[in-house]
Amino acid sequence: MRVNSPNAPMTLLATHPEREQVAEQLRRNIVLRRLPPPAFAALEPMLAVVDYRKGDVLLTQGAHDMEQYFVIDGVLKRVVANPEGKEMILRFAKEDDMDTSYAAWRLRTPAPYSIRAVTKARVAKMPLPQWASFLEEHPDLKEDFEYEVMFLMSEVMAHTITLHLLDAPGRVHRFLRKHPELAERVPKKELASYLNLSAETLSRLKHAGKI
């Protein structure tokens, strides 16, 4: 498993050479889009902008040092593994989305899953303790963020239930209906894993015209 290289580019947003462009992208983020300009300006010196390669690990399952992630470009995934190493993809996150282990951090438990780059990705991140302090200073942002955390937990639960209730074509059709923008971006092997299918089964369904 590849981890993020210590030499990976990491620059604070406030001093980033593409600051204006990156800031504009972040202002569209599902959590940050209602943040008033003065508050966003206060956040800029806290956000580190990092460029990840495909396969890089942002968060390791079991870690205690956790961060808040805002996706600027590319696709991330949440992955949980059992002691035998079998993995399950819980969700994908793309541009304007975010990922976090906020609930685990608040409960003072280790990260329950890993977060990895599915594609080349650019992400803005900050330590969760610092993010939590910023949230306390901005109640409206905290409300938006905690709603999104609950929504993501509900989304993961719905996906897990779907794996048990729907047949293979049904799982694929649900994904295409809910996430059409990811259909051509997520590698088929990753998509098959997310749907608890083999890559061969996914290919066979496509060739048979069932999806």
Protein backbone atom coordinates (compact mmCIF):
# COMPACT_ATOMS: atom_id res chain seq x y z
CA MET A 1 0.00 0.00 0.00
CA ARG A 2 1.44 3.35 -0.99
CA VAL A 3 1.37 6.19 1.48
CA ASN A 4 1.66 9.85 0.73
CA SER A 5 5.26 10.77 0.02
CA PRO A 6 6.81 13.15 2.55
CA ASN A 7 7.96 15.14 -0.47
CA ALA A 8 4.44 15.56 -1.88
CA PRO A 9 3.67 19.23 -2.61
CA MET A 10 2.04 20.82 0.44
CA THR A 11 1.47 24.57 0.51
CA LEU A 12 -0.82 26.66 2.65
CA LEU A 13 -3.68 28.07 0.60
CA ALA A 14 -2.78 31.60 1.68
CA THR A 15 0.64 31.33 -0.01
CA HIS A 16 -0.22 28.90 -2.82
CA PRO A 17 0.92 30.04 -6.30
CA GLU A 18 -2.59 29.24 -7.61
CA ARG A 19 -4.34 30.68 -4.57
CA GLU A 20 -7.09 32.55 -6.42
CA GLN A 21 -8.06 29.56 -8.57
CA VAL A 22 -7.91 27.09 -5.67
CA ALA A 23 -9.87 29.43 -3.39
CA GLU A 24 -12.55 29.83 -6.06
CA GLN A 25 -12.86 26.04 -6.30
CA LEU A 26 -13.07 25.68 -2.52
CA ARG A 27 -15.82 28.29 -2.29
CA ARG A 28 -17.99 25.84 -4.26
CA ASN A 29 -17.40 23.07 -1.72
CA ILE A 30 -20.56 21.60 -0.24
CA VAL A 31 -19.49 22.63 3.27
CA LEU A 32 -17.70 25.93 2.60
CA ARG A 33 -20.04 27.48 0.00
CA ARG A 34 -22.05 29.52 2.55
CA LEU A 35 -19.01 30.70 4.49
CA PRO A 36 -18.83 34.53 4.47
CA PRO A 37 -15.76 36.01 2.71
CA PRO A 38 -14.11 37.27 5.95
CA ALA A 39 -14.44 33.82 7.53
CA PHE A 40 -13.08 32.14 4.39
CA ALA A 41 -10.12 34.53 4.45
CA ALA A 42 -9.46 33.53 8.07
CA LEU A 43 -9.53 29.86 7.04
CA GLU A 44 -7.03 30.22 4.18
CA PRO A 45 -3.85 30.25 6.34
CA MET A 46 -5.00 27.00 8.03
CA LEU A 47 -5.62 24.96 4.88
CA ALA A 48 -2.78 22.97 3.34
CA VAL A 49 -3.18 22.20 -0.36
CA VAL A 50 -1.74 18.79 -1.27
CA ASP A 51 -1.38 17.02 -4.61
CA TYR A 52 -1.81 13.24 -4.30
CA ARG A 53 -0.98 10.50 -6.77
CA LYS A 54 -3.39 7.71 -7.63
CA GLY A 55 -3.28 5.19 -4.79
CA ASP A 56 -1.86 7.54 -2.16
CA VAL A 57 -3.23 7.13 1.36
CA LEU A 58 -4.58 10.26 3.07
CA LEU A 59 -5.83 8.50 6.21
CA THR A 60 -4.93 5.05 7.53
CA GLN A 61 -7.55 2.91 9.26
CA GLY A 62 -6.71 2.82 12.98
CA ALA A 63 -4.93 6.19 13.01
CA HIS A 64 -5.46 8.65 15.85
CA ASP A 65 -4.15 11.77 14.09
CA MET A 66 -7.00 12.78 11.80
CA GLU A 67 -7.66 15.57 9.33
CA GLN A 68 -10.50 17.27 7.52
CA TYR A 69 -10.38 16.96 3.72
CA PHE A 70 -11.93 19.15 1.02
CA VAL A 71 -11.67 17.72 -2.50
CA ILE A 72 -10.52 20.30 -5.04
CA ASP A 73 -9.88 17.94 -7.95
CA GLY A 74 -9.98 14.18 -8.45
CA VAL A 75 -11.71 11.31 -6.66
CA LEU A 76 -11.14 9.84 -3.17
CA LYS A 77 -12.56 6.70 -1.57
CA ARG A 78 -13.31 5.47 1.93
CA VAL A 79 -12.15 1.92 2.46
CA VAL A 80 -12.60 -0.39 5.45
CA ALA A 81 -10.58 -3.59 5.85
CA ASN A 82 -11.01 -6.60 8.14
CA PRO A 83 -8.06 -8.27 9.96
CA GLU A 84 -7.64 -10.68 7.03
CA GLY A 85 -7.14 -7.75 4.67
CA LYS A 86 -10.43 -8.02 2.79
CA GLU A 87 -11.55 -4.53 1.81
CA MET A 88 -14.86 -2.81 1.18
CA ILE A 89 -15.26 0.61 -0.43
CA LEU A 90 -17.82 2.67 1.50
CA ARG A 91 -18.08 5.79 -0.69
CA PHE A 92 -16.40 8.01 -3.24
CA ALA A 93 -15.81 11.76 -2.94
CA LYS A 94 -15.16 14.06 -5.90
CA GLU A 95 -14.71 17.79 -6.57
CA ASP A 96 -16.72 20.10 -4.27
CA ASP A 97 -17.18 17.21 -1.83
CA MET A 98 -15.40 16.50 1.44
CA ASP A 99 -14.35 13.59 3.58
CA THR A 100 -13.61 13.32 7.26
CA SER A 101 -13.36 11.06 10.29
CA TYR A 102 -14.95 13.74 12.49
CA ALA A 103 -17.32 11.34 14.29
CA ALA A 104 -14.46 9.04 15.30
CA TRP A 105 -12.38 12.03 16.43
CA ARG A 106 -15.24 13.34 18.57
CA LEU A 107 -15.72 9.88 20.09
CA ARG A 108 -11.93 9.60 20.65
CA THR A 109 -11.76 6.34 18.74
CA PRO A 110 -9.30 5.37 15.99
CA ALA A 111 -10.17 6.11 12.38
CA PRO A 112 -12.64 3.36 11.35
CA TYR A 113 -11.60 3.45 7.69
CA SER A 114 -8.86 4.58 5.33
CA ILE A 115 -9.16 7.39 2.80
CA ARG A 116 -7.22 6.96 -0.46
CA ALA A 117 -6.88 8.67 -3.82
CA VAL A 118 -8.70 6.79 -6.59
CA THR A 119 -7.27 9.17 -9.19
CA LYS A 120 -4.69 11.89 -9.14
CA ALA A 121 -6.22 14.37 -6.68
CA ARG A 122 -5.74 17.82 -5.20
CA VAL A 123 -7.06 18.22 -1.67
CA ALA A 124 -7.17 21.00 0.93
CA LYS A 125 -6.79 19.66 4.45
CA MET A 126 -6.30 20.68 8.08
CA PRO A 127 -6.03 18.86 11.42
CA LEU A 128 -9.42 18.00 12.91
CA PRO A 129 -8.74 19.74 16.26
CA GLN A 130 -8.04 22.97 14.37
CA TRP A 131 -11.11 22.47 12.17
CA ALA A 132 -13.31 21.83 15.23
CA SER A 133 -12.07 25.06 16.83
CA PHE A 134 -12.89 26.96 13.65
CA LEU A 135 -16.37 25.44 13.62
CA GLU A 136 -17.02 26.67 17.17
CA GLU A 137 -16.34 30.21 15.96
CA HIS A 138 -18.82 29.85 13.07
CA PRO A 139 -22.11 28.24 14.20
CA ASP A 140 -23.73 28.30 10.74
CA LEU A 141 -20.76 26.48 9.25
CA LYS A 142 -20.82 23.96 12.09
CA GLU A 143 -24.50 23.28 11.42
CA ASP A 144 -23.86 22.76 7.68
CA PHE A 145 -20.86 20.55 8.35
CA GLU A 146 -22.52 18.34 10.96
CA TYR A 147 -25.54 17.92 8.68
CA GLU A 148 -23.19 16.78 5.90
CA VAL A 149 -21.44 14.33 8.26
CA MET A 150 -24.81 12.80 9.17
CA PHE A 151 -25.85 12.70 5.52
CA LEU A 152 -22.66 10.84 4.58
CA MET A 153 -23.17 8.33 7.39
CA SER A 154 -26.73 7.76 6.15
CA GLU A 155 -25.45 7.41 2.57
CA VAL A 156 -22.93 4.75 3.60
CA MET A 157 -25.61 2.86 5.52
CA ALA A 158 -27.98 2.96 2.53
CA HIS A 159 -25.22 1.66 0.28
CA THR A 160 -24.44 -1.21 2.65
CA ILE A 161 -28.13 -2.18 2.77
CA THR A 162 -28.29 -2.00 -1.03
CA LEU A 163 -25.54 -4.62 -1.33
CA HIS A 164 -27.79 -7.06 0.50
CA LEU A 165 -31.15 -6.19 -1.06
CA LEU A 166 -30.40 -5.65 -4.75
CA ASP A 167 -29.07 -8.07 -7.34
CA ALA A 168 -25.97 -7.22 -9.36
CA PRO A 169 -27.73 -5.28 -12.18
CA GLY A 170 -29.80 -3.43 -9.58
CA ARG A 171 -26.69 -2.30 -7.71
CA VAL A 172 -25.13 -1.02 -10.91
CA HIS A 173 -28.31 0.82 -11.97
CA ARG A 174 -28.59 2.46 -8.54
CA PHE A 175 -25.00 3.70 -8.77
CA LEU A 176 -25.56 5.07 -12.29
CA ARG A 177 -28.73 6.81 -11.15
CA LYS A 178 -27.22 8.37 -8.02
CA HIS A 179 -23.68 9.06 -9.28
CA PRO A 180 -23.75 9.39 -13.10
CA GLU A 181 -20.84 11.83 -12.97
CA LEU A 182 -18.56 9.11 -11.55
CA ALA A 183 -19.48 6.31 -13.96
CA GLU A 184 -16.66 7.05 -16.42
CA ARG A 185 -14.17 8.36 -13.87
CA VAL A 186 -13.96 5.50 -11.39
CA PRO A 187 -11.84 2.59 -12.69
CA LYS A 188 -13.95 -0.50 -13.36
CA LYS A 189 -12.01 -2.49 -10.76
CA GLU A 190 -12.82 0.13 -8.10
CA LEU A 191 -16.46 0.33 -9.15
CA ALA A 192 -16.80 -3.46 -9.03
CA SER A 193 -15.32 -3.50 -5.53
CA TYR A 194 -17.73 -0.77 -4.40
CA LEU A 195 -20.66 -2.80 -5.72
CA ASN A 196 -19.31 -6.05 -4.21
CA LEU A 197 -18.89 -7.58 -7.65
CA SER A 198 -15.93 -9.02 -9.49
CA ALA A 199 -14.57 -6.98 -12.38
CA GLU A 200 -15.45 -9.94 -14.62
CA THR A 201 -19.10 -9.89 -13.50
CA LEU A 202 -19.33 -6.16 -14.12
CA SER A 203 -17.86 -6.59 -17.61
CA ARG A 204 -20.18 -9.51 -18.36
CA LEU A 205 -23.27 -7.51 -17.33
CA LYS A 206 -22.18 -4.67 -19.61
CA HIS A 207 -21.57 -6.93 -22.60
CA ALA A 208 -24.90 -8.68 -22.03
CA GLY A 209 -26.67 -5.33 -22.18
CA LYS A 210 -28.03 -5.62 -18.65
CA ILE A 211 -26.46 -2.35 -17.52
